[in-house]
Amino acid sequence: MNLLKSILLGYLRHALTVAAGYLLAHGLIQQADQQVLISAGLALAGIAWSTVNKLIHDNELRLARAEQAPATQIAPAK
């Protein structure tokens, strides 16, 4: 997962750089704001990635516990 995370964050960093460059070229942001926007975008992406990983991990734990739980038997109706 770490390789995938590195690759995706690299692509995201480049996409944010291109987007910030576009905004800078069209006068919508100052040059000093460019690094702030890129850093904020990467920070938000890191938070989102961590949240998704936690949700996936919690779901996997829940499924593993359900598989380990003994099956309950229901008595047949008379």
PDB file of N, CA and C in Angstrom:
ATOM      1  N   MET A   1       0.813  -1.193   0.000  1.00  0.00           N
ATOM      2  CA  MET A   1       0.000   0.000   0.000  1.00  0.00           C
ATOM      3  C   MET A   1       0.858   1.258   0.000  1.00  0.00           C
ATOM      4  N   ASN A   2       2.040   1.206   0.589  1.00  0.00           N
ATOM      5  CA  ASN A   2       2.886   2.392   0.644  1.00  0.00           C
ATOM      6  C   ASN A   2       3.329   2.839  -0.740  1.00  0.00           C
ATOM      7  N   LEU A   3       3.604   1.891  -1.642  1.00  0.00           N
ATOM      8  CA  LEU A   3       3.993   2.244  -3.002  1.00  0.00           C
ATOM      9  C   LEU A   3       2.835   2.936  -3.715  1.00  0.00           C
ATOM     10  N   LEU A   4       1.644   2.388  -3.562  1.00  0.00           N
ATOM     11  CA  LEU A   4       0.465   2.990  -4.178  1.00  0.00           C
ATOM     12  C   LEU A   4       0.232   4.395  -3.623  1.00  0.00           C
ATOM     13  N   LYS A   5       0.384   4.537  -2.326  1.00  0.00           N
ATOM     14  CA  LYS A   5       0.199   5.847  -1.695  1.00  0.00           C
ATOM     15  C   LYS A   5       1.217   6.844  -2.235  1.00  0.00           C
ATOM     16  N   SER A   6       2.468   6.438  -2.353  1.00  0.00           N
ATOM     17  CA  SER A   6       3.517   7.327  -2.879  1.00  0.00           C
ATOM     18  C   SER A   6       3.218   7.751  -4.309  1.00  0.00           C
ATOM     19  N   ILE A   7       2.778   6.795  -5.125  1.00  0.00           N
ATOM     20  CA  ILE A   7       2.478   7.105  -6.521  1.00  0.00           C
ATOM     21  C   ILE A   7       1.309   8.078  -6.621  1.00  0.00           C
ATOM     22  N   LEU A   8       0.235   7.780  -5.891  1.00  0.00           N
ATOM     23  CA  LEU A   8      -0.947   8.637  -5.954  1.00  0.00           C
ATOM     24  C   LEU A   8      -0.673  10.032  -5.410  1.00  0.00           C
ATOM     25  N   LEU A   9       0.075  10.116  -4.322  1.00  0.00           N
ATOM     26  CA  LEU A   9       0.398  11.443  -3.781  1.00  0.00           C
ATOM     27  C   LEU A   9       1.323  12.210  -4.726  1.00  0.00           C
ATOM     28  N   GLY A  10       2.200  11.515  -5.444  1.00  0.00           N
ATOM     29  CA  GLY A  10       3.039  12.168  -6.449  1.00  0.00           C
ATOM     30  C   GLY A  10       2.213  12.758  -7.575  1.00  0.00           C
ATOM     31  N   TYR A  11       1.258  11.959  -8.067  1.00  0.00           N
ATOM     32  CA  TYR A  11       0.358  12.461  -9.113  1.00  0.00           C
ATOM     33  C   TYR A  11      -0.459  13.641  -8.613  1.00  0.00           C
ATOM     34  N   LEU A  12      -0.941  13.534  -7.382  1.00  0.00           N
ATOM     35  CA  LEU A  12      -1.725  14.621  -6.807  1.00  0.00           C
ATOM     36  C   LEU A  12      -0.891  15.890  -6.682  1.00  0.00           C
ATOM     37  N   ARG A  13       0.358  15.743  -6.241  1.00  0.00           N
ATOM     38  CA  ARG A  13       1.241  16.903  -6.103  1.00  0.00           C
ATOM     39  C   ARG A  13       1.427  17.591  -7.454  1.00  0.00           C
ATOM     40  N   HIS A  14       1.625  16.797  -8.514  1.00  0.00           N
ATOM     41  CA  HIS A  14       1.789  17.388  -9.837  1.00  0.00           C
ATOM     42  C   HIS A  14       0.499  18.041 -10.322  1.00  0.00           C
ATOM     43  N   ALA A  15      -0.625  17.426 -10.053  1.00  0.00           N
ATOM     44  CA  ALA A  15      -1.904  18.017 -10.448  1.00  0.00           C
ATOM     45  C   ALA A  15      -2.144  19.336  -9.717  1.00  0.00           C
ATOM     46  N   LEU A  16      -1.816  19.368  -8.429  1.00  0.00           N
ATOM     47  CA  LEU A  16      -1.968  20.610  -7.671  1.00  0.00           C
ATOM     48  C   LEU A  16      -1.012  21.687  -8.171  1.00  0.00           C
ATOM     49  N   THR A  17       0.199  21.292  -8.558  1.00  0.00           N
ATOM     50  CA  THR A  17       1.170  22.244  -9.099  1.00  0.00           C
ATOM     51  C   THR A  17       0.668  22.835 -10.412  1.00  0.00           C
ATOM     52  N   VAL A  18       0.111  21.989 -11.268  1.00  0.00           N
ATOM     53  CA  VAL A  18      -0.434  22.471 -12.537  1.00  0.00           C
ATOM     54  C   VAL A  18      -1.608  23.409 -12.286  1.00  0.00           C
ATOM     55  N   ALA A  19      -2.508  23.014 -11.384  1.00  0.00           N
ATOM     56  CA  ALA A  19      -3.666  23.854 -11.078  1.00  0.00           C
ATOM     57  C   ALA A  19      -3.235  25.197 -10.498  1.00  0.00           C
ATOM     58  N   ALA A  20      -2.273  25.170  -9.575  1.00  0.00           N
ATOM     59  CA  ALA A  20      -1.788  26.421  -8.988  1.00  0.00           C
ATOM     60  C   ALA A  20      -1.072  27.260 -10.035  1.00  0.00           C
ATOM     61  N   GLY A  21      -0.327  26.628 -10.942  1.00  0.00           N
ATOM     62  CA  GLY A  21       0.322  27.359 -12.033  1.00  0.00           C
ATOM     63  C   GLY A  21      -0.679  28.026 -12.943  1.00  0.00           C
ATOM     64  N   TYR A  22      -1.772  27.343 -13.216  1.00  0.00           N
ATOM     65  CA  TYR A  22      -2.840  27.920 -14.038  1.00  0.00           C
ATOM     66  C   TYR A  22      -3.429  29.155 -13.353  1.00  0.00           C
ATOM     67  N   LEU A  23      -3.744  29.002 -12.062  1.00  0.00           N
ATOM     68  CA  LEU A  23      -4.304  30.132 -11.312  1.00  0.00           C
ATOM     69  C   LEU A  23      -3.329  31.299 -11.254  1.00  0.00           C
ATOM     70  N   LEU A  24      -2.059  30.989 -11.096  1.00  0.00           N
ATOM     71  CA  LEU A  24      -1.024  32.026 -11.055  1.00  0.00           C
ATOM     72  C   LEU A  24      -0.908  32.721 -12.406  1.00  0.00           C
ATOM     73  N   ALA A  25      -0.921  31.952 -13.492  1.00  0.00           N
ATOM     74  CA  ALA A  25      -0.788  32.519 -14.831  1.00  0.00           C
ATOM     75  C   ALA A  25      -1.966  33.431 -15.184  1.00  0.00           C
ATOM     76  N   HIS A  26      -3.125  33.138 -14.647  1.00  0.00           N
ATOM     77  CA  HIS A  26      -4.305  33.948 -14.943  1.00  0.00           C
ATOM     78  C   HIS A  26      -4.549  35.037 -13.896  1.00  0.00           C
ATOM     79  N   GLY A  27      -3.595  35.225 -13.014  1.00  0.00           N
ATOM     80  CA  GLY A  27      -3.673  36.313 -12.044  1.00  0.00           C
ATOM     81  C   GLY A  27      -4.681  36.106 -10.937  1.00  0.00           C
ATOM     82  N   LEU A  28      -5.091  34.881 -10.718  1.00  0.00           N
ATOM     83  CA  LEU A  28      -6.086  34.624  -9.685  1.00  0.00           C
ATOM     84  C   LEU A  28      -5.463  34.432  -8.300  1.00  0.00           C
ATOM     85  N   ILE A  29      -4.169  34.101  -8.256  1.00  0.00           N
ATOM     86  CA  ILE A  29      -3.459  33.973  -6.991  1.00  0.00           C
ATOM     87  C   ILE A  29      -2.082  34.611  -7.128  1.00  0.00           C
ATOM     88  N   GLN A  30      -1.477  34.918  -6.002  1.00  0.00           N
ATOM     89  CA  GLN A  30      -0.111  35.444  -5.960  1.00  0.00           C
ATOM     90  C   GLN A  30       0.867  34.264  -5.944  1.00  0.00           C
ATOM     91  N   GLN A  31       2.124  34.525  -6.280  1.00  0.00           N
ATOM     92  CA  GLN A  31       3.117  33.452  -6.302  1.00  0.00           C
ATOM     93  C   GLN A  31       3.305  32.827  -4.919  1.00  0.00           C
ATOM     94  N   ALA A  32       3.244  33.642  -3.884  1.00  0.00           N
ATOM     95  CA  ALA A  32       3.407  33.119  -2.522  1.00  0.00           C
ATOM     96  C   ALA A  32       2.263  32.177  -2.147  1.00  0.00           C
ATOM     97  N   ASP A  33       1.092  32.405  -2.717  1.00  0.00           N
ATOM     98  CA  ASP A  33      -0.065  31.559  -2.416  1.00  0.00           C
ATOM     99  C   ASP A  33       0.051  30.185  -3.060  1.00  0.00           C
ATOM    100  N   GLN A  34       0.854  30.062  -4.097  1.00  0.00           N
ATOM    101  CA  GLN A  34       0.967  28.813  -4.834  1.00  0.00           C
ATOM    102  C   GLN A  34       1.432  27.675  -3.912  1.00  0.00           C
ATOM    103  N   GLN A  35       2.489  27.893  -3.165  1.00  0.00           N
ATOM    104  CA  GLN A  35       3.000  26.846  -2.270  1.00  0.00           C
ATOM    105  C   GLN A  35       2.012  26.522  -1.158  1.00  0.00           C
ATOM    106  N   VAL A  36       1.300  27.534  -0.691  1.00  0.00           N
ATOM    107  CA  VAL A  36       0.312  27.310   0.357  1.00  0.00           C
ATOM    108  C   VAL A  36      -0.807  26.410  -0.160  1.00  0.00           C
ATOM    109  N   LEU A  37      -1.279  26.674  -1.366  1.00  0.00           N
ATOM    110  CA  LEU A  37      -2.350  25.862  -1.941  1.00  0.00           C
ATOM    111  C   LEU A  37      -1.901  24.416  -2.170  1.00  0.00           C
ATOM    112  N   ILE A  38      -0.708  24.244  -2.671  1.00  0.00           N
ATOM    113  CA  ILE A  38      -0.185  22.893  -2.900  1.00  0.00           C
ATOM    114  C   ILE A  38      -0.037  22.146  -1.576  1.00  0.00           C
ATOM    115  N   SER A  39       0.513  22.811  -0.578  1.00  0.00           N
ATOM    116  CA  SER A  39       0.697  22.177   0.735  1.00  0.00           C
ATOM    117  C   SER A  39      -0.641  21.827   1.377  1.00  0.00           C
ATOM    118  N   ALA A  40      -1.596  22.732   1.291  1.00  0.00           N
ATOM    119  CA  ALA A  40      -2.915  22.469   1.867  1.00  0.00           C
ATOM    120  C   ALA A  40      -3.594  21.305   1.153  1.00  0.00           C
ATOM    121  N   GLY A  41      -3.479  21.258  -0.162  1.00  0.00           N
ATOM    122  CA  GLY A  41      -4.069  20.154  -0.915  1.00  0.00           C
ATOM    123  C   GLY A  41      -3.465  18.818  -0.532  1.00  0.00           C
ATOM    124  N   LEU A  42      -2.149  18.774  -0.375  1.00  0.00           N
ATOM    125  CA  LEU A  42      -1.487  17.532   0.022  1.00  0.00           C
ATOM    126  C   LEU A  42      -1.858  17.129   1.448  1.00  0.00           C
ATOM    127  N   ALA A  43      -1.991  18.113   2.322  1.00  0.00           N
ATOM    128  CA  ALA A  43      -2.389  17.809   3.699  1.00  0.00           C
ATOM    129  C   ALA A  43      -3.800  17.224   3.730  1.00  0.00           C
ATOM    130  N   LEU A  44      -4.715  17.812   2.975  1.00  0.00           N
ATOM    131  CA  LEU A  44      -6.083  17.292   2.921  1.00  0.00           C
ATOM    132  C   LEU A  44      -6.129  15.900   2.305  1.00  0.00           C
ATOM    133  N   ALA A  45      -5.314  15.683   1.284  1.00  0.00           N
ATOM    134  CA  ALA A  45      -5.253  14.356   0.665  1.00  0.00           C
ATOM    135  C   ALA A  45      -4.730  13.323   1.662  1.00  0.00           C
ATOM    136  N   GLY A  46      -3.741  13.701   2.459  1.00  0.00           N
ATOM    137  CA  GLY A  46      -3.211  12.792   3.481  1.00  0.00           C
ATOM    138  C   GLY A  46      -4.250  12.441   4.528  1.00  0.00           C
ATOM    139  N   ILE A  47      -5.037  13.425   4.928  1.00  0.00           N
ATOM    140  CA  ILE A  47      -6.101  13.180   5.903  1.00  0.00           C
ATOM    141  C   ILE A  47      -7.156  12.254   5.305  1.00  0.00           C
ATOM    142  N   ALA A  48      -7.530  12.516   4.056  1.00  0.00           N
ATOM    143  CA  ALA A  48      -8.529  11.676   3.392  1.00  0.00           C
ATOM    144  C   ALA A  48      -8.017  10.241   3.241  1.00  0.00           C
ATOM    145  N   TRP A  49      -6.757  10.097   2.844  1.00  0.00           N
ATOM    146  CA  TRP A  49      -6.163   8.763   2.671  1.00  0.00           C
ATOM    147  C   TRP A  49      -6.175   8.006   3.997  1.00  0.00           C
ATOM    148  N   SER A  50      -5.805   8.680   5.072  1.00  0.00           N
ATOM    149  CA  SER A  50      -5.769   8.058   6.388  1.00  0.00           C
ATOM    150  C   SER A  50      -7.171   7.625   6.827  1.00  0.00           C
ATOM    151  N   THR A  51      -8.159   8.461   6.565  1.00  0.00           N
ATOM    152  CA  THR A  51      -9.532   8.138   6.931  1.00  0.00           C
ATOM    153  C   THR A  51     -10.033   6.915   6.170  1.00  0.00           C
ATOM    154  N   VAL A  52      -9.778   6.876   4.876  1.00  0.00           N
ATOM    155  CA  VAL A  52     -10.203   5.732   4.060  1.00  0.00           C
ATOM    156  C   VAL A  52      -9.514   4.461   4.542  1.00  0.00           C
ATOM    157  N   ASN A  53      -8.216   4.521   4.809  1.00  0.00           N
ATOM    158  CA  ASN A  53      -7.493   3.346   5.303  1.00  0.00           C
ATOM    159  C   ASN A  53      -8.066   2.850   6.625  1.00  0.00           C
ATOM    160  N   LYS A  54      -8.406   3.776   7.523  1.00  0.00           N
ATOM    161  CA  LYS A  54      -8.964   3.399   8.812  1.00  0.00           C
ATOM    162  C   LYS A  54     -10.321   2.726   8.624  1.00  0.00           C
ATOM    163  N   LEU A  55     -11.158   3.268   7.748  1.00  0.00           N
ATOM    164  CA  LEU A  55     -12.469   2.667   7.515  1.00  0.00           C
ATOM    165  C   LEU A  55     -12.339   1.271   6.913  1.00  0.00           C
ATOM    166  N   ILE A  56     -11.420   1.101   5.977  1.00  0.00           N
ATOM    167  CA  ILE A  56     -11.193  -0.208   5.374  1.00  0.00           C
ATOM    168  C   ILE A  56     -10.687  -1.198   6.424  1.00  0.00           C
ATOM    169  N   HIS A  57      -9.732  -0.758   7.237  1.00  0.00           N
ATOM    170  CA  HIS A  57      -9.164  -1.627   8.271  1.00  0.00           C
ATOM    171  C   HIS A  57     -10.233  -2.024   9.286  1.00  0.00           C
ATOM    172  N   ASP A  58     -11.058  -1.075   9.724  1.00  0.00           N
ATOM    173  CA  ASP A  58     -12.120  -1.388  10.679  1.00  0.00           C
ATOM    174  C   ASP A  58     -13.112  -2.387  10.094  1.00  0.00           C
ATOM    175  N   ASN A  59     -13.433  -2.237   8.818  1.00  0.00           N
ATOM    176  CA  ASN A  59     -14.351  -3.160   8.158  1.00  0.00           C
ATOM    177  C   ASN A  59     -13.748  -4.560   8.076  1.00  0.00           C
ATOM    178  N   GLU A  60     -12.458  -4.650   7.750  1.00  0.00           N
ATOM    179  CA  GLU A  60     -11.780  -5.949   7.685  1.00  0.00           C
ATOM    180  C   GLU A  60     -11.768  -6.622   9.057  1.00  0.00           C
ATOM    181  N   LEU A  61     -11.539  -5.839  10.111  1.00  0.00           N
ATOM    182  CA  LEU A  61     -11.564  -6.408  11.467  1.00  0.00           C
ATOM    183  C   LEU A  61     -12.951  -6.925  11.821  1.00  0.00           C
ATOM    184  N   ARG A  62     -13.969  -6.169  11.461  1.00  0.00           N
ATOM    185  CA  ARG A  62     -15.339  -6.576  11.745  1.00  0.00           C
ATOM    186  C   ARG A  62     -15.669  -7.893  11.026  1.00  0.00           C
ATOM    187  N   LEU A  63     -15.257  -8.000   9.772  1.00  0.00           N
ATOM    188  CA  LEU A  63     -15.509  -9.237   9.022  1.00  0.00           C
ATOM    189  C   LEU A  63     -14.744 -10.411   9.615  1.00  0.00           C
ATOM    190  N   ALA A  64     -13.502 -10.194  10.024  1.00  0.00           N
ATOM    191  CA  ALA A  64     -12.700 -11.270  10.610  1.00  0.00           C
ATOM    192  C   ALA A  64     -13.316 -11.751  11.921  1.00  0.00           C
ATOM    193  N   ARG A  65     -13.809 -10.827  12.725  1.00  0.00           N
ATOM    194  CA  ARG A  65     -14.443 -11.218  13.988  1.00  0.00           C
ATOM    195  C   ARG A  65     -15.727 -12.000  13.732  1.00  0.00           C
ATOM    196  N   ALA A  66     -16.477 -11.595  12.713  1.00  0.00           N
ATOM    197  CA  ALA A  66     -17.722 -12.292  12.395  1.00  0.00           C
ATOM    198  C   ALA A  66     -17.430 -13.719  11.932  1.00  0.00           C
ATOM    199  N   GLU A  67     -16.333 -13.929  11.224  1.00  0.00           N
ATOM    200  CA  GLU A  67     -15.970 -15.273  10.759  1.00  0.00           C
ATOM    201  C   GLU A  67     -15.507 -16.152  11.914  1.00  0.00           C
ATOM    202  N   GLN A  68     -14.910 -15.562  12.936  1.00  0.00           N
ATOM    203  CA  GLN A  68     -14.405 -16.337  14.063  1.00  0.00           C
ATOM    204  C   GLN A  68     -15.484 -16.646  15.095  1.00  0.00           C
ATOM    205  N   ALA A  69     -16.568 -15.907  15.067  1.00  0.00           N
ATOM    206  CA  ALA A  69     -17.636 -16.105  16.063  1.00  0.00           C
ATOM    207  C   ALA A  69     -18.284 -17.470  15.832  1.00  0.00           C
ATOM    208  N   PRO A  70     -18.577 -18.177  16.905  1.00  0.00           N
ATOM    209  CA  PRO A  70     -19.208 -19.479  16.733  1.00  0.00           C
ATOM    210  C   PRO A  70     -20.611 -19.307  16.166  1.00  0.00           C
ATOM    211  N   ALA A  71     -20.979 -20.221  15.293  1.00  0.00           N
ATOM    212  CA  ALA A  71     -22.309 -20.170  14.688  1.00  0.00           C
ATOM    213  C   ALA A  71     -23.335 -20.568  15.722  1.00  0.00           C
ATOM    214  N   THR A  72     -24.409 -19.850  15.795  1.00  0.00           N
ATOM    215  CA  THR A  72     -25.470 -20.184  16.725  1.00  0.00           C
ATOM    216  C   THR A  72     -26.451 -21.105  16.026  1.00  0.00           C
ATOM    217  N   GLN A  73     -26.918 -22.097  16.763  1.00  0.00           N
ATOM    218  CA  GLN A  73     -27.872 -23.032  16.190  1.00  0.00           C
ATOM    219  C   GLN A  73     -29.261 -22.699  16.695  1.00  0.00           C
ATOM    220  N   ILE A  74     -30.186 -22.763  15.794  1.00  0.00           N
ATOM    221  CA  ILE A  74     -31.561 -22.497  16.147  1.00  0.00           C
ATOM    222  C   ILE A  74     -32.261 -23.849  16.241  1.00  0.00           C
ATOM    223  N   ALA A  75     -32.946 -24.045  17.346  1.00  0.00           N
ATOM    224  CA  ALA A  75     -33.656 -25.313  17.528  1.00  0.00           C
ATOM    225  C   ALA A  75     -34.815 -25.386  16.550  1.00  0.00           C
ATOM    226  N   PRO A  76     -35.005 -26.566  15.947  1.00  0.00           N
ATOM    227  CA  PRO A  76     -36.119 -26.697  14.992  1.00  0.00           C
ATOM    228  C   PRO A  76     -37.459 -26.544  15.706  1.00  0.00           C
ATOM    229  N   ALA A  77     -38.381 -25.965  15.004  1.00  0.00           N
ATOM    230  CA  ALA A  77     -39.729 -25.763  15.561  1.00  0.00           C
ATOM    231  C   ALA A  77     -40.458 -27.096  15.622  1.00  0.00           C
ATOM    232  N   LYS A  78     -41.268 -27.276  16.646  1.00  0.00           N
ATOM    233  CA  LYS A  78     -42.035 -28.533  16.804  1.00  0.00           C
ATOM    234  C   LYS A  78     -43.426 -28.390  16.260  1.00  0.00           C
TER     235      LYS A  78
END
